[in-house]
């Protein structure tokens, strides 16, 4: 019997990622644990700009576990830690939500943790890589599907989730299709297993899905083998497989990276179309900020295993708060940055799992001070819907490179 295409099967990730600890907030010269101030840290401000936050004097606090608590959340990730070999923490305290119909971009350099984060959601981590703490909850908010905790699921339970409630599209579609079975038969088998359709029903539905993802002459294509199709056509086939069982969530991990610019734009347009038509939540994992700018409502920026900034895409890209996000924009030559010479980020990220006392970006940051390396840095609320893991975040508007000078602890507001 042929094996159907499995949009959840995964190879070893090309991305190695790892917990963020929340420092206390500063209130009138005394420190207070964020757990006693509404659960989320907020940096103090002073007239004329944002103040530098006080460094920790004690040991690390608990890793921040963020959830917006939105009633329409399809996916809620809280305090996610992923460990390699039982000792190297590659994802550190990641937390975010996705709402029904929302597109969120997860960006960062190779090694940032973005791929391990998304593959934790899919339950397809490679051998020796494990979720060691945190929670990943799928659905349940709107009552259409039961809330399911994905961490620690058995293989049988995963088979009831992956492909049915969560679909996935990866960078190399040929690796996820059986070369000896026609693409139509592979999609049909997915429909028979996932939806319980008869052979005839599955074939009819497969042809409809091929047409829905923009494949021409779908009835003829049904009988073709993967090697007879171009890369762009194969990606459309895999997208058809991924959405065939009407999932709540679609994860696209570098799904357009290997395609030329024209085909890439077509695939992104297709993903947007399917999201609008089906109410899908879309998690788009990429290193390309231009893709995020075109396709995503919100963006989450990861560096060395931690989320360092998140917020509405237009706001983050127009006025980045974290120095790493600024650097990514310089590299990408996006928007206003396009008038500057193409730049590269100096230095190297820390080794996967390296334990550092403070900011993991400090060695590469032109704005770092001694307090940045003295203790763990929280993911601070900046404005409504925006957070940054930085003691000296840039002002929400204006020149992101014009940072205020450090303010001594206890200085008058």
Protein backbone atom coordinates (compact mmCIF):
# COMPACT_ATOMS: atom_id res chain seq x y z
CA UNK A 1 0.00 0.00 0.00
CA UNK A 2 1.34 3.42 -0.87
CA UNK A 3 1.96 5.93 1.86
CA UNK A 4 -0.03 9.17 1.63
CA UNK A 5 1.74 12.47 1.70
CA UNK A 6 2.30 13.44 5.32
CA UNK A 7 2.39 17.20 5.81
CA UNK A 8 3.39 16.63 9.42
CA UNK A 9 6.42 14.44 8.80
CA UNK A 10 9.66 16.31 9.25
CA UNK A 11 13.37 15.96 8.88
CA UNK A 12 15.97 17.28 11.28
CA UNK A 13 15.55 21.07 11.45
CA UNK A 14 17.96 23.46 9.82
CA UNK A 15 17.32 25.78 12.72
CA UNK A 16 18.51 25.24 16.30
CA UNK A 17 16.71 27.34 18.78
CA UNK A 18 16.35 27.80 22.93
CA UNK A 19 13.99 30.42 28.37
CA UNK A 20 13.59 33.92 28.85
CA UNK A 21 13.56 35.07 32.41
CA UNK A 22 11.57 38.08 33.53
CA UNK A 23 13.36 40.71 35.60
CA UNK A 24 11.45 42.60 38.27
CA UNK A 25 9.86 45.90 37.41
CA UNK A 26 11.14 49.10 39.01
CA UNK A 27 8.77 51.08 41.19
CA UNK A 28 10.13 54.01 43.14
CA UNK A 29 13.49 52.48 43.94
CA UNK A 30 12.09 49.09 44.99
CA UNK A 31 11.75 46.01 42.84
CA UNK A 32 8.55 44.12 42.38
CA UNK A 33 8.03 40.75 40.73
CA UNK A 34 5.96 41.03 37.52
CA UNK A 35 3.75 38.23 38.86
CA UNK A 36 2.40 40.76 41.35
CA UNK A 37 1.84 43.52 38.81
CA UNK A 38 -0.64 41.90 36.47
CA UNK A 39 1.64 39.11 35.30
CA UNK A 40 3.50 41.10 32.64
CA UNK A 41 6.45 43.41 33.07
CA UNK A 42 6.15 47.04 32.03
CA UNK A 43 9.20 49.28 31.70
CA UNK A 44 9.08 52.66 33.43
CA UNK A 45 9.17 55.78 31.32
CA UNK A 46 10.25 59.32 32.00
CA UNK A 47 9.62 62.64 30.31
CA UNK A 48 11.61 62.94 27.12
CA UNK A 49 12.10 59.27 26.34
CA UNK A 50 12.13 55.74 27.66
CA UNK A 51 14.30 55.08 30.69
CA UNK A 52 16.77 52.26 30.98
CA UNK A 53 15.39 49.52 33.19
CA UNK A 54 17.20 48.44 36.37
CA UNK A 55 19.40 45.37 36.25
CA UNK A 56 18.63 42.34 38.37
CA UNK A 57 20.50 41.90 41.60
CA UNK A 58 18.99 38.53 42.45
CA UNK A 59 18.84 35.20 40.62
CA UNK A 60 16.71 34.64 37.53
CA UNK A 61 12.98 34.83 37.84
CA UNK A 62 10.61 32.37 36.23
CA UNK A 63 10.59 32.39 32.40
CA UNK A 64 7.83 34.60 31.02
CA UNK A 65 4.85 32.71 29.68
CA UNK A 66 2.80 35.00 27.48
CA UNK A 67 -0.79 34.57 26.43
CA UNK A 68 -3.03 37.32 25.17
CA UNK A 69 -6.01 35.44 26.53
CA UNK A 70 -7.96 36.21 23.36
CA UNK A 71 -11.30 34.48 23.03
CA UNK A 72 -10.57 33.64 19.40
CA UNK A 73 -7.17 32.01 20.01
CA UNK A 74 -6.55 28.96 17.82
CA UNK A 75 -3.06 28.37 19.20
CA UNK A 76 -1.66 29.38 22.59
CA UNK A 77 2.01 28.77 23.38
CA UNK A 78 3.20 29.52 26.92
CA UNK A 79 6.65 29.24 28.49
CA UNK A 80 7.94 26.84 25.83
CA UNK A 81 11.40 25.36 26.45
CA UNK A 82 12.98 22.97 23.94
CA UNK A 83 16.14 21.08 24.90
CA UNK A 84 18.70 19.29 22.73
CA UNK A 85 20.36 16.22 24.21
CA UNK A 86 18.76 16.84 27.58
CA UNK A 87 21.03 19.78 28.41
CA UNK A 88 21.18 22.43 25.65
CA UNK A 89 18.19 24.77 25.90
CA UNK A 90 17.48 25.77 22.34
CA UNK A 91 14.11 27.53 22.82
CA UNK A 92 13.69 29.59 25.97
CA UNK A 93 10.31 30.52 27.40
CA UNK A 94 8.59 31.22 24.08
CA UNK A 95 5.00 32.42 24.34
CA UNK A 96 2.49 33.74 21.80
CA UNK A 97 -1.04 33.28 20.46
CA UNK A 98 -2.63 32.98 17.04
CA UNK A 99 -6.24 33.96 16.44
CA UNK A 100 -8.62 32.49 13.91
CA UNK A 101 -7.88 34.01 10.49
CA UNK A 102 -4.70 35.71 11.70
CA UNK A 103 -1.30 35.49 9.99
CA UNK A 104 1.77 35.70 12.23
CA UNK A 105 5.35 35.75 10.97
CA UNK A 106 8.06 34.05 13.03
CA UNK A 107 11.43 35.45 11.94
CA UNK A 108 15.10 35.27 12.86
CA UNK A 109 18.50 34.10 11.71
CA UNK A 110 19.38 30.43 11.40
CA UNK A 111 19.71 29.12 14.94
CA UNK A 112 17.19 31.59 16.36
CA UNK A 113 14.77 28.88 17.46
CA UNK A 114 11.97 29.59 15.00
CA UNK A 115 11.94 26.17 13.33
CA UNK A 116 12.17 24.20 16.58
CA UNK A 117 9.30 26.30 17.91
CA UNK A 118 7.02 25.51 14.99
CA UNK A 119 8.03 21.84 14.94
CA UNK A 120 7.20 21.62 18.63
CA UNK A 121 3.68 22.73 17.67
CA UNK A 122 3.62 20.00 15.01
CA UNK A 123 5.06 17.33 17.31
CA UNK A 124 7.81 16.48 14.83
CA UNK A 125 10.99 17.28 16.74
CA UNK A 126 13.99 15.14 15.74
CA UNK A 127 15.34 12.42 18.06
CA UNK A 128 17.10 13.84 21.09
CA UNK A 129 15.20 17.14 20.93
CA UNK A 130 12.35 17.49 23.43
CA UNK A 131 9.86 19.95 24.84
CA UNK A 132 10.96 20.12 28.49
CA UNK A 133 8.52 22.69 29.83
CA UNK A 134 5.66 24.90 28.81
CA UNK A 135 2.28 24.46 27.21
CA UNK A 136 1.00 24.32 23.62
CA UNK A 137 -2.79 24.47 23.41
CA UNK A 138 -4.71 24.04 20.18
CA UNK A 139 -8.26 25.32 19.77
CA UNK A 140 -11.04 25.30 22.32
CA UNK A 141 -11.55 29.06 22.48
CA UNK A 142 -14.57 29.29 20.18
CA UNK A 143 -16.09 25.91 21.05
CA UNK A 144 -15.88 24.49 17.52
CA UNK A 145 -13.07 22.09 18.50
CA UNK A 146 -12.02 20.82 21.91
CA UNK A 147 -8.98 22.42 23.52
CA UNK A 148 -6.07 20.01 23.11
CA UNK A 149 -2.79 20.19 25.00
CA UNK A 150 -0.20 19.13 22.43
CA UNK A 151 2.80 18.55 24.68
CA UNK A 152 3.12 14.90 25.65
CA UNK A 153 0.53 13.57 23.19
CA UNK A 154 0.74 9.89 22.28
CA UNK A 155 1.37 8.91 18.66
CA UNK A 156 -2.29 7.91 18.28
CA UNK A 157 -3.46 11.28 19.57
CA UNK A 158 -1.02 13.10 17.29
CA UNK A 159 -2.45 11.21 14.31
CA UNK A 160 -5.84 12.66 15.22
CA UNK A 161 -4.42 16.19 15.26
CA UNK A 162 -1.67 16.46 12.67
CA UNK A 163 -3.08 16.82 9.17
CA UNK A 164 -6.63 17.14 10.49
CA UNK A 165 -6.47 20.14 12.80
CA UNK A 166 -2.96 21.34 11.95
CA UNK A 167 -1.55 21.38 8.41
CA UNK A 168 2.03 22.07 7.40
CA UNK A 169 3.97 23.13 4.32
CA UNK A 170 7.76 22.88 4.20
CA UNK A 171 10.61 24.19 2.08
CA UNK A 172 11.24 21.11 -0.10
CA UNK A 173 7.88 19.62 -1.11
CA UNK A 174 9.49 16.73 -3.01
CA UNK A 175 10.83 15.39 0.29
CA UNK A 176 7.29 14.98 1.63
CA UNK A 177 5.75 13.26 -1.38
CA UNK A 178 6.17 9.60 -2.34
CA UNK A 179 7.99 9.60 -5.71
CA UNK A 180 6.44 6.26 -6.74
CA UNK A 181 2.80 7.28 -6.24
CA UNK A 182 0.79 9.79 -8.25
CA UNK A 183 0.08 13.08 -6.51
CA UNK A 184 -3.65 12.55 -6.92
CA UNK A 185 -3.57 9.20 -5.19
CA UNK A 186 -1.52 10.61 -2.34
CA UNK A 187 -4.00 13.41 -1.77
CA UNK A 188 -6.92 10.97 -2.07
CA UNK A 189 -5.45 8.72 0.61
CA UNK A 190 -5.05 11.72 2.90
CA UNK A 191 -8.74 12.51 2.40
CA UNK A 192 -9.84 8.90 2.97
CA UNK A 193 -7.84 8.61 6.19
CA UNK A 194 -8.56 12.09 7.48
CA UNK A 195 -12.20 12.55 6.50
CA UNK A 196 -13.38 8.97 5.96
CA UNK A 197 -14.36 9.55 2.33
CA UNK A 198 -14.97 6.74 -0.12
CA UNK A 199 -12.50 6.17 -2.94
CA UNK A 200 -14.73 7.98 -5.44
CA UNK A 201 -15.49 10.85 -3.08
CA UNK A 202 -11.82 11.28 -2.27
CA UNK A 203 -10.86 11.39 -5.93
CA UNK A 204 -13.52 13.99 -6.72
CA UNK A 205 -12.50 16.09 -3.74
CA UNK A 206 -8.80 15.83 -4.66
CA UNK A 207 -9.47 17.24 -8.12
CA UNK A 208 -11.44 20.10 -6.55
CA UNK A 209 -8.57 20.84 -4.17
CA UNK A 210 -6.01 20.85 -6.98
CA UNK A 211 -8.15 23.42 -8.77
CA UNK A 212 -8.57 25.45 -5.57
CA UNK A 213 -4.78 25.82 -5.16
CA UNK A 214 -4.38 27.05 -8.74
CA UNK A 215 -3.21 23.90 -10.54
CA UNK A 216 -4.33 23.84 -14.15
CA UNK A 217 -6.06 20.79 -15.67
CA UNK A 218 -6.44 19.18 -12.23
CA UNK A 219 -8.10 16.00 -13.54
CA UNK A 220 -5.02 15.26 -15.68
CA UNK A 221 -2.58 16.30 -12.98
CA UNK A 222 -4.23 13.79 -10.62
CA UNK A 223 -2.43 11.00 -12.52
CA UNK A 224 1.02 12.61 -12.58
CA UNK A 225 4.02 11.70 -10.43
CA UNK A 226 6.00 14.21 -8.35
CA UNK A 227 9.00 14.17 -10.71
CA UNK A 228 6.76 15.35 -13.55
CA UNK A 229 5.90 18.61 -11.76
CA UNK A 230 7.87 21.82 -11.20
CA UNK A 231 8.86 23.05 -7.74
CA UNK A 232 6.04 25.58 -7.67
CA UNK A 233 3.48 22.95 -8.71
CA UNK A 234 4.75 20.55 -6.04
CA UNK A 235 4.39 23.26 -3.42
CA UNK A 236 0.77 23.78 -4.51
CA UNK A 237 0.20 20.01 -4.22
CA UNK A 238 1.59 20.04 -0.69
CA UNK A 239 -0.61 23.02 0.19
CA UNK A 240 -3.62 21.06 -1.11
CA UNK A 241 -2.63 18.15 1.14
CA UNK A 242 -2.12 20.50 4.10
CA UNK A 243 -5.58 22.10 3.86
CA UNK A 244 -7.46 19.01 2.67
CA UNK A 245 -8.94 18.15 6.08
CA UNK A 246 -9.99 21.74 6.90
CA UNK A 247 -7.41 22.40 9.65
CA UNK A 248 -7.67 25.27 12.12
CA UNK A 249 -3.98 26.10 11.80
CA UNK A 250 -1.56 26.08 8.87
CA UNK A 251 2.19 26.24 9.49
CA UNK A 252 4.40 27.26 6.57
CA UNK A 253 8.08 26.69 7.41
CA UNK A 254 10.27 28.49 4.84
CA UNK A 255 7.67 27.37 2.29
CA UNK A 256 8.76 29.87 -0.39
CA UNK A 257 12.52 29.96 0.21
CA UNK A 258 13.54 27.67 -2.66
CA UNK A 259 11.22 29.29 -5.23
CA UNK A 260 11.96 32.08 -7.67
CA UNK A 261 10.52 35.51 -6.94
CA UNK A 262 7.50 35.20 -9.24
CA UNK A 263 6.46 31.77 -7.96
CA UNK A 264 7.13 32.89 -4.38
CA UNK A 265 4.70 35.77 -4.80
CA UNK A 266 2.07 33.42 -6.26
CA UNK A 267 2.42 30.97 -3.35
CA UNK A 268 2.13 33.77 -0.80
CA UNK A 269 -0.97 35.06 -2.58
CA UNK A 270 -2.43 31.54 -2.49
CA UNK A 271 -1.80 31.21 1.24
CA UNK A 272 -3.52 34.55 1.82
CA UNK A 273 -6.48 33.47 -0.31
CA UNK A 274 -6.89 30.19 1.57
CA UNK A 275 -6.58 31.99 4.90
CA UNK A 276 -9.36 34.41 3.97
CA UNK A 277 -11.66 31.75 2.51
CA UNK A 278 -11.21 29.15 5.26
CA UNK A 279 -10.54 31.27 8.33
CA UNK A 280 -7.18 29.59 8.83
CA UNK A 281 -4.69 30.78 11.39
CA UNK A 282 -1.34 30.98 9.57
CA UNK A 283 2.08 30.71 11.22
CA UNK A 284 4.65 31.74 8.62
CA UNK A 285 8.22 30.80 9.58
CA UNK A 286 10.82 32.66 7.54
CA UNK A 287 14.09 34.58 7.60
CA UNK A 288 12.70 37.03 5.02
CA UNK A 289 11.18 40.21 6.46
CA UNK A 290 9.88 41.21 3.03
CA UNK A 291 7.67 38.11 3.07
CA UNK A 292 6.39 39.03 6.53
CA UNK A 293 5.73 42.63 5.48
CA UNK A 294 3.53 41.45 2.61
CA UNK A 295 1.72 38.61 4.34
CA UNK A 296 1.45 38.91 8.14
CA UNK A 297 -0.70 40.81 10.61
CA UNK A 298 1.83 40.39 13.41
CA UNK A 299 5.51 39.52 13.59
CA UNK A 300 7.48 37.65 16.26
CA UNK A 301 11.26 38.12 16.18
CA UNK A 302 13.46 35.40 17.70
CA UNK A 303 17.15 35.53 18.56
CA UNK A 304 19.29 32.79 20.16
CA UNK A 305 16.24 30.88 21.36
CA UNK A 306 14.27 33.80 22.77
CA UNK A 307 11.47 36.01 21.51
CA UNK A 308 13.04 39.48 21.53
CA UNK A 309 10.22 41.52 19.98
CA UNK A 310 6.66 41.11 18.77
CA UNK A 311 3.80 43.29 17.68
CA UNK A 312 1.76 44.43 14.68
CA UNK A 313 3.88 43.99 11.57
CA UNK A 314 3.54 47.52 10.23
CA UNK A 315 4.52 49.05 13.58
CA UNK A 316 7.47 46.76 14.23
CA UNK A 317 8.95 47.19 10.76
CA UNK A 318 8.39 50.95 10.72
CA UNK A 319 9.78 51.53 14.22
CA UNK A 320 11.66 48.52 15.65
CA UNK A 321 12.20 48.61 19.42
CA UNK A 322 14.86 45.91 19.79
CA UNK A 323 18.38 46.39 18.35
CA UNK A 324 18.27 42.96 16.74
CA UNK A 325 15.11 43.83 14.82
CA UNK A 326 16.84 47.03 13.66
CA UNK A 327 19.77 44.97 12.44
CA UNK A 328 17.52 42.55 10.55
CA UNK A 329 15.91 45.50 8.80
CA UNK A 330 19.29 46.88 7.78
CA UNK A 331 20.20 43.51 6.32
CA UNK A 332 16.88 43.23 4.52
CA UNK A 333 17.02 46.81 3.16
CA UNK A 334 13.31 47.12 3.84
CA UNK A 335 11.35 50.35 3.51
CA UNK A 336 13.35 53.41 4.60
CA UNK A 337 16.31 51.17 5.27
CA UNK A 338 16.53 50.59 1.52
CA UNK A 339 18.28 53.96 1.11
CA UNK A 340 21.21 52.72 3.19
CA UNK A 341 24.06 50.51 2.11
CA UNK A 342 23.38 46.82 2.58
CA UNK A 343 24.68 45.93 6.01
CA UNK A 344 25.51 42.78 7.92
CA UNK A 345 25.08 42.18 11.63
CA UNK A 346 28.53 42.21 13.27
CA UNK A 347 29.59 39.37 15.53
CA UNK A 348 28.05 35.95 16.00
CA UNK A 349 25.09 34.69 18.01
CA UNK A 350 25.87 32.62 21.12
CA UNK A 351 26.27 28.88 20.79
CA UNK A 352 23.03 26.91 21.01
CA UNK A 353 22.24 26.32 24.67
CA UNK A 354 24.89 28.75 25.96
CA UNK A 355 23.90 30.11 29.37
CA UNK A 356 24.46 33.86 29.53
CA UNK A 357 23.62 36.03 32.56
CA UNK A 358 21.89 38.82 30.64
CA UNK A 359 20.85 39.88 27.15
CA UNK A 360 21.83 37.29 24.57
CA UNK A 361 22.34 40.01 21.95
CA UNK A 362 24.55 42.25 24.11
CA UNK A 363 27.86 41.26 22.48
CA UNK A 364 26.54 42.41 19.09
CA UNK A 365 24.62 45.47 20.29
CA UNK A 366 25.91 49.02 19.89
CA UNK A 367 23.57 50.21 22.67
CA UNK A 368 24.51 47.66 25.36
CA UNK A 369 25.54 48.80 28.84
CA UNK A 370 26.85 46.90 31.86
CA UNK A 371 23.33 46.42 33.19
CA UNK A 372 22.40 44.52 30.02
CA UNK A 373 24.64 41.60 31.01
CA UNK A 374 24.00 41.52 34.76
CA UNK A 375 20.76 39.57 34.82
CA UNK A 376 17.93 38.05 32.75
CA UNK A 377 15.83 40.42 30.65
CA UNK A 378 12.04 40.26 30.56
CA UNK A 379 9.84 40.68 27.51
CA UNK A 380 8.45 44.10 28.41
CA UNK A 381 5.16 45.62 27.32
CA UNK A 382 5.85 48.81 25.35
CA UNK A 383 2.56 49.92 23.87
CA UNK A 384 -0.69 48.04 23.31
CA UNK A 385 0.17 44.79 21.55
CA UNK A 386 3.94 45.43 21.43
CA UNK A 387 6.70 43.82 23.50
CA UNK A 388 10.49 43.90 23.45
CA UNK A 389 13.15 42.08 25.46
CA UNK A 390 15.34 45.12 25.99
CA UNK A 391 16.33 47.42 28.85
CA UNK A 392 16.73 50.33 26.43
CA UNK A 393 14.06 49.83 23.75
CA UNK A 394 13.87 52.47 21.06
CA UNK A 395 10.91 54.87 21.26
CA UNK A 396 7.81 53.55 19.48
CA UNK A 397 8.03 56.30 16.84
CA UNK A 398 10.80 58.29 15.24
CA UNK A 399 14.41 57.36 14.56
CA UNK A 400 14.97 53.91 16.03
CA UNK A 401 18.71 54.58 16.25
CA UNK A 402 18.28 57.59 18.57
CA UNK A 403 18.16 55.85 21.94
CA UNK A 404 17.91 57.71 25.25
CA UNK A 405 20.91 57.70 27.55
CA UNK A 406 20.81 55.29 30.52
CA UNK A 407 18.96 56.66 33.54
CA UNK A 408 20.48 55.78 36.94
CA UNK A 409 18.30 53.65 39.18
CA UNK A 410 16.25 55.84 41.48
CA UNK A 411 16.54 58.93 39.27
CA UNK A 412 13.47 61.18 39.43
CA UNK A 413 10.84 60.58 36.76
